[in-house]
N, C-alpha and C. Protein backbone atom coordinates (compact mmCIF):
# COMPACT_ATOMS: atom_id res chain seq x y z
N MET A 1 0.84 -1.19 0.00
CA MET A 1 0.00 0.00 0.00
C MET A 1 0.88 1.25 0.00
N THR A 2 0.35 2.30 -0.57
CA THR A 2 0.99 3.60 -0.54
C THR A 2 -0.11 4.65 -0.37
N TYR A 3 0.26 5.85 -0.14
CA TYR A 3 -0.69 6.95 -0.05
C TYR A 3 -0.54 7.82 -1.29
N ILE A 4 -1.63 8.46 -1.67
CA ILE A 4 -1.65 9.36 -2.83
C ILE A 4 -2.41 10.62 -2.44
N VAL A 5 -2.23 11.65 -3.26
CA VAL A 5 -2.98 12.88 -3.10
C VAL A 5 -4.00 12.92 -4.24
N ASP A 6 -5.25 13.24 -3.92
CA ASP A 6 -6.27 13.31 -4.97
C ASP A 6 -6.64 14.76 -5.24
N ASP A 7 -7.68 14.96 -6.04
CA ASP A 7 -8.05 16.31 -6.48
C ASP A 7 -8.58 17.21 -5.38
N ASN A 8 -8.80 16.70 -4.20
CA ASN A 8 -9.21 17.58 -3.09
C ASN A 8 -8.12 18.61 -2.76
N CYS A 9 -6.87 18.30 -3.14
CA CYS A 9 -5.75 19.22 -2.86
C CYS A 9 -5.71 20.40 -3.83
N ILE A 10 -6.22 20.21 -5.03
CA ILE A 10 -6.14 21.24 -6.07
C ILE A 10 -6.83 22.52 -5.62
N ALA A 11 -6.13 23.64 -5.82
CA ALA A 11 -6.60 24.98 -5.47
C ALA A 11 -6.68 25.22 -3.97
N CYS A 12 -6.17 24.29 -3.17
CA CYS A 12 -6.06 24.47 -1.73
C CYS A 12 -4.58 24.46 -1.33
N LYS A 13 -3.91 23.35 -1.62
CA LYS A 13 -2.48 23.14 -1.36
C LYS A 13 -2.08 23.46 0.08
N TYR A 14 -2.77 22.81 1.00
CA TYR A 14 -2.32 22.86 2.39
C TYR A 14 -1.03 22.05 2.46
N THR A 15 -0.08 22.48 3.25
CA THR A 15 1.21 21.78 3.30
C THR A 15 1.53 21.25 4.69
N ASP A 16 0.53 21.11 5.52
CA ASP A 16 0.73 20.57 6.87
C ASP A 16 1.39 19.19 6.81
N CYS A 17 1.09 18.44 5.76
CA CYS A 17 1.55 17.06 5.61
C CYS A 17 3.05 16.94 5.39
N VAL A 18 3.67 17.92 4.75
CA VAL A 18 5.06 17.74 4.34
C VAL A 18 6.04 17.70 5.51
N GLU A 19 5.73 18.41 6.57
CA GLU A 19 6.67 18.45 7.70
C GLU A 19 6.65 17.18 8.54
N VAL A 20 5.60 16.38 8.45
CA VAL A 20 5.55 15.15 9.24
C VAL A 20 6.07 13.95 8.45
N CYS A 21 6.28 14.10 7.15
CA CYS A 21 6.72 12.99 6.31
C CYS A 21 8.17 12.63 6.62
N PRO A 22 8.43 11.40 7.05
CA PRO A 22 9.81 11.02 7.42
C PRO A 22 10.71 10.73 6.23
N VAL A 23 10.15 10.63 5.02
CA VAL A 23 10.98 10.30 3.85
C VAL A 23 10.93 11.37 2.75
N ASP A 24 10.32 12.50 3.00
CA ASP A 24 10.30 13.62 2.06
C ASP A 24 9.83 13.19 0.67
N CYS A 25 8.64 12.59 0.60
CA CYS A 25 8.13 12.10 -0.68
C CYS A 25 7.02 12.97 -1.26
N PHE A 26 6.87 14.21 -0.76
CA PHE A 26 5.90 15.14 -1.32
C PHE A 26 6.57 16.04 -2.35
N TYR A 27 5.83 16.33 -3.42
CA TYR A 27 6.32 17.17 -4.50
C TYR A 27 5.29 18.25 -4.77
N GLU A 28 5.78 19.45 -5.11
CA GLU A 28 4.91 20.61 -5.19
C GLU A 28 4.68 21.10 -6.61
N GLY A 29 3.39 21.14 -6.97
CA GLY A 29 2.97 21.80 -8.19
C GLY A 29 2.50 23.20 -7.88
N GLU A 30 2.15 23.94 -8.90
CA GLU A 30 1.69 25.31 -8.72
C GLU A 30 0.49 25.40 -7.77
N ASN A 31 -0.45 24.43 -7.87
CA ASN A 31 -1.64 24.55 -7.02
C ASN A 31 -2.05 23.25 -6.35
N MET A 32 -1.11 22.31 -6.20
CA MET A 32 -1.38 21.10 -5.43
C MET A 32 -0.08 20.38 -5.10
N LEU A 33 -0.18 19.38 -4.26
CA LEU A 33 0.95 18.51 -3.93
C LEU A 33 0.65 17.11 -4.45
N VAL A 34 1.70 16.31 -4.62
CA VAL A 34 1.56 14.89 -4.92
C VAL A 34 2.56 14.12 -4.06
N ILE A 35 2.33 12.83 -3.93
CA ILE A 35 3.23 11.93 -3.21
C ILE A 35 3.84 10.98 -4.23
N HIS A 36 5.15 10.80 -4.18
CA HIS A 36 5.77 9.81 -5.07
C HIS A 36 5.44 8.43 -4.50
N PRO A 37 4.64 7.63 -5.21
CA PRO A 37 4.19 6.35 -4.66
C PRO A 37 5.31 5.33 -4.43
N ASP A 38 6.43 5.48 -5.12
CA ASP A 38 7.54 4.56 -4.93
C ASP A 38 8.44 4.96 -3.75
N GLU A 39 8.28 6.18 -3.28
CA GLU A 39 9.07 6.67 -2.14
C GLU A 39 8.30 6.60 -0.83
N CYS A 40 6.99 6.63 -0.90
CA CYS A 40 6.14 6.58 0.29
C CYS A 40 6.36 5.25 1.02
N ILE A 41 6.53 5.33 2.33
CA ILE A 41 6.76 4.10 3.12
C ILE A 41 5.49 3.65 3.84
N ASP A 42 4.37 4.22 3.47
CA ASP A 42 3.07 3.79 3.98
C ASP A 42 2.90 3.97 5.48
N CYS A 43 3.56 4.95 6.03
CA CYS A 43 3.46 5.14 7.48
C CYS A 43 2.13 5.78 7.89
N GLY A 44 1.55 6.58 6.99
CA GLY A 44 0.24 7.17 7.25
C GLY A 44 0.23 8.40 8.13
N VAL A 45 1.38 8.92 8.54
CA VAL A 45 1.36 10.08 9.43
C VAL A 45 0.86 11.34 8.74
N CYS A 46 0.95 11.39 7.43
CA CYS A 46 0.50 12.57 6.70
C CYS A 46 -1.01 12.66 6.58
N GLU A 47 -1.68 11.54 6.49
CA GLU A 47 -3.12 11.51 6.20
C GLU A 47 -3.95 12.36 7.17
N PRO A 48 -3.78 12.22 8.48
CA PRO A 48 -4.60 13.03 9.38
C PRO A 48 -4.21 14.52 9.41
N GLU A 49 -3.07 14.86 8.84
CA GLU A 49 -2.61 16.26 8.84
C GLU A 49 -3.28 17.10 7.76
N CYS A 50 -3.93 16.47 6.79
CA CYS A 50 -4.48 17.19 5.65
C CYS A 50 -5.87 17.75 5.95
N PRO A 51 -6.00 19.08 6.04
CA PRO A 51 -7.31 19.68 6.30
C PRO A 51 -8.33 19.44 5.18
N ALA A 52 -7.85 19.18 3.96
CA ALA A 52 -8.75 19.00 2.82
C ALA A 52 -9.11 17.53 2.58
N ASP A 53 -8.62 16.64 3.42
CA ASP A 53 -8.88 15.21 3.27
C ASP A 53 -8.49 14.73 1.86
N ALA A 54 -7.31 15.18 1.41
CA ALA A 54 -6.85 14.87 0.05
C ALA A 54 -5.86 13.72 0.01
N ILE A 55 -5.40 13.23 1.15
CA ILE A 55 -4.44 12.13 1.18
C ILE A 55 -5.21 10.85 1.46
N ARG A 56 -5.10 9.92 0.52
CA ARG A 56 -5.89 8.69 0.59
C ARG A 56 -4.99 7.47 0.38
N PRO A 57 -5.34 6.33 0.98
CA PRO A 57 -4.60 5.10 0.70
C PRO A 57 -4.92 4.61 -0.71
N ASP A 58 -3.97 3.95 -1.34
CA ASP A 58 -4.18 3.49 -2.71
C ASP A 58 -5.11 2.28 -2.81
N THR A 59 -5.62 1.85 -1.68
CA THR A 59 -6.54 0.71 -1.67
C THR A 59 -8.00 1.13 -1.89
N GLU A 60 -8.25 2.42 -1.95
CA GLU A 60 -9.62 2.91 -2.16
C GLU A 60 -10.02 2.77 -3.63
N PRO A 61 -11.33 2.68 -3.89
CA PRO A 61 -11.80 2.58 -5.28
C PRO A 61 -11.31 3.77 -6.11
N ASP A 62 -10.96 3.52 -7.35
CA ASP A 62 -10.48 4.54 -8.29
C ASP A 62 -9.13 5.15 -7.92
N ALA A 63 -8.43 4.55 -6.98
CA ALA A 63 -7.14 5.11 -6.57
C ALA A 63 -6.05 4.87 -7.61
N GLU A 64 -6.17 3.84 -8.42
CA GLU A 64 -5.10 3.52 -9.38
C GLU A 64 -4.78 4.69 -10.30
N GLU A 65 -5.81 5.40 -10.78
CA GLU A 65 -5.55 6.55 -11.64
C GLU A 65 -4.77 7.63 -10.90
N TRP A 66 -5.03 7.76 -9.59
CA TRP A 66 -4.32 8.76 -8.80
C TRP A 66 -2.90 8.32 -8.47
N VAL A 67 -2.66 7.02 -8.38
CA VAL A 67 -1.29 6.53 -8.20
C VAL A 67 -0.45 6.97 -9.39
N GLU A 68 -0.96 6.75 -10.59
CA GLU A 68 -0.22 7.13 -11.80
C GLU A 68 -0.09 8.64 -11.93
N PHE A 69 -1.13 9.36 -11.56
CA PHE A 69 -1.09 10.83 -11.57
C PHE A 69 0.00 11.32 -10.62
N ASN A 70 0.03 10.79 -9.40
CA ASN A 70 1.03 11.19 -8.41
C ASN A 70 2.44 10.84 -8.88
N ARG A 71 2.60 9.66 -9.47
CA ARG A 71 3.91 9.24 -9.98
C ARG A 71 4.39 10.21 -11.07
N LYS A 72 3.52 10.49 -12.02
CA LYS A 72 3.89 11.37 -13.15
C LYS A 72 4.37 12.73 -12.67
N TYR A 73 3.59 13.37 -11.81
CA TYR A 73 3.93 14.73 -11.42
C TYR A 73 5.04 14.77 -10.37
N SER A 74 5.20 13.74 -9.57
CA SER A 74 6.31 13.74 -8.61
C SER A 74 7.65 13.63 -9.33
N GLU A 75 7.63 13.13 -10.55
CA GLU A 75 8.86 13.06 -11.34
C GLU A 75 9.13 14.34 -12.10
N MET A 76 8.17 15.28 -12.09
CA MET A 76 8.31 16.55 -12.81
C MET A 76 8.46 17.75 -11.87
N TRP A 77 7.94 17.63 -10.66
CA TRP A 77 7.89 18.76 -9.75
C TRP A 77 8.97 18.65 -8.66
N PRO A 78 9.32 19.78 -8.02
CA PRO A 78 10.34 19.75 -6.96
C PRO A 78 9.80 19.21 -5.63
N VAL A 79 10.69 18.63 -4.87
CA VAL A 79 10.33 18.12 -3.55
C VAL A 79 10.01 19.30 -2.63
N ILE A 80 9.10 19.09 -1.72
CA ILE A 80 8.75 20.11 -0.72
C ILE A 80 8.81 19.46 0.65
N ILE A 81 9.54 20.10 1.57
CA ILE A 81 9.68 19.57 2.93
C ILE A 81 9.33 20.59 4.00
N THR A 82 9.04 21.82 3.58
CA THR A 82 8.76 22.90 4.52
C THR A 82 7.33 23.40 4.35
N LYS A 83 6.62 23.52 5.45
CA LYS A 83 5.24 24.01 5.42
C LYS A 83 5.20 25.45 4.92
N LYS A 84 4.21 25.71 4.07
CA LYS A 84 3.96 27.05 3.53
C LYS A 84 2.50 27.39 3.77
N ASP A 85 2.13 28.63 3.54
CA ASP A 85 0.73 29.02 3.63
C ASP A 85 -0.06 28.35 2.51
N GLN A 86 -1.29 28.00 2.81
CA GLN A 86 -2.16 27.43 1.78
C GLN A 86 -2.48 28.52 0.75
N LEU A 87 -3.06 28.11 -0.36
CA LEU A 87 -3.44 29.07 -1.39
C LEU A 87 -4.54 29.99 -0.87
N PRO A 88 -4.59 31.24 -1.35
CA PRO A 88 -5.57 32.20 -0.85
C PRO A 88 -7.02 31.73 -0.95
N GLU A 89 -7.34 30.94 -1.98
CA GLU A 89 -8.71 30.48 -2.17
C GLU A 89 -9.00 29.13 -1.51
N ALA A 90 -8.09 28.65 -0.68
CA ALA A 90 -8.22 27.31 -0.10
C ALA A 90 -9.54 27.10 0.65
N ASP A 91 -9.91 28.02 1.51
CA ASP A 91 -11.15 27.85 2.27
C ASP A 91 -12.37 27.80 1.36
N GLU A 92 -12.35 28.61 0.32
CA GLU A 92 -13.47 28.67 -0.62
C GLU A 92 -13.54 27.41 -1.48
N ARG A 93 -12.39 26.86 -1.87
CA ARG A 93 -12.34 25.70 -2.79
C ARG A 93 -12.37 24.35 -2.07
N ASP A 94 -12.14 24.33 -0.78
CA ASP A 94 -12.09 23.08 -0.03
C ASP A 94 -13.42 22.34 -0.17
N GLY A 95 -13.36 21.10 -0.65
CA GLY A 95 -14.55 20.28 -0.79
C GLY A 95 -15.28 20.44 -2.11
N GLU A 96 -14.85 21.38 -2.92
CA GLU A 96 -15.50 21.61 -4.22
C GLU A 96 -15.26 20.40 -5.13
N LYS A 97 -16.23 20.02 -5.91
CA LYS A 97 -16.13 18.91 -6.85
C LYS A 97 -15.64 19.41 -8.21
N GLY A 98 -15.00 18.51 -8.97
CA GLY A 98 -14.57 18.83 -10.33
C GLY A 98 -13.35 19.72 -10.42
N LYS A 99 -12.52 19.74 -9.38
CA LYS A 99 -11.38 20.65 -9.38
C LYS A 99 -10.29 20.27 -10.39
N LEU A 100 -10.18 19.00 -10.72
CA LEU A 100 -9.17 18.59 -11.69
C LEU A 100 -9.42 19.28 -13.04
N GLU A 101 -10.64 19.26 -13.50
CA GLU A 101 -10.99 19.87 -14.77
C GLU A 101 -10.99 21.39 -14.71
N LYS A 102 -11.36 21.95 -13.58
CA LYS A 102 -11.50 23.41 -13.46
C LYS A 102 -10.19 24.14 -13.18
N TYR A 103 -9.34 23.57 -12.30
CA TYR A 103 -8.25 24.37 -11.76
C TYR A 103 -6.85 23.78 -11.90
N PHE A 104 -6.71 22.50 -12.20
CA PHE A 104 -5.39 21.87 -12.17
C PHE A 104 -4.39 22.55 -13.10
N SER A 105 -3.18 22.74 -12.58
CA SER A 105 -2.06 23.29 -13.35
C SER A 105 -0.90 22.29 -13.32
N GLU A 106 -0.32 22.03 -14.48
CA GLU A 106 0.85 21.16 -14.56
C GLU A 106 2.14 21.87 -14.17
N LYS A 107 2.08 23.19 -14.00
CA LYS A 107 3.28 23.95 -13.68
C LYS A 107 3.85 23.53 -12.33
N PRO A 108 5.17 23.47 -12.21
CA PRO A 108 5.77 23.12 -10.92
C PRO A 108 5.63 24.25 -9.91
N GLY A 109 5.69 23.88 -8.64
CA GLY A 109 5.75 24.86 -7.57
C GLY A 109 7.21 25.24 -7.33
N GLU A 110 7.46 25.91 -6.24
CA GLU A 110 8.81 26.35 -5.91
C GLU A 110 9.62 25.28 -5.19
N GLY A 111 8.92 24.34 -4.53
CA GLY A 111 9.63 23.36 -3.72
C GLY A 111 10.20 24.02 -2.48
N GLY A 112 11.02 23.26 -1.78
CA GLY A 112 11.69 23.85 -0.61
C GLY A 112 11.28 23.23 0.70
C-alpha cells in the first residue's frame, strides 16, 4: 500500500503534511501537492494532517488513476519539505467537486 494525493488538494495546497513525512516524498505543483508512490513508506502520518482530506490510501476505489497521476507529477515537480501558507482560495475551494478539470495546473511549484 501507498498513499496518494487526490483532487481535493487542487486549489487548496495545504502543506501541513510535508513536515511530518519522514521520507520527504511530497512534491509541489503550482496549485497542489503529490506523493511519489515509490518513495512513500506507507506510514500514514501525513493523512490526518491534511485539512482537505486529500491524502488517501491506494486501496480505495479509483485510486489507481491517482497513483499514476502522483507518480507522473512527482517526477516533474520539486520536492517540498517545509510548510507554507495554503493558497488564498483554499477555504473557498475546499470540498469543491470537479477541481481537476477546473483548476489543475501542470506547472511546478517552488519546492523547498
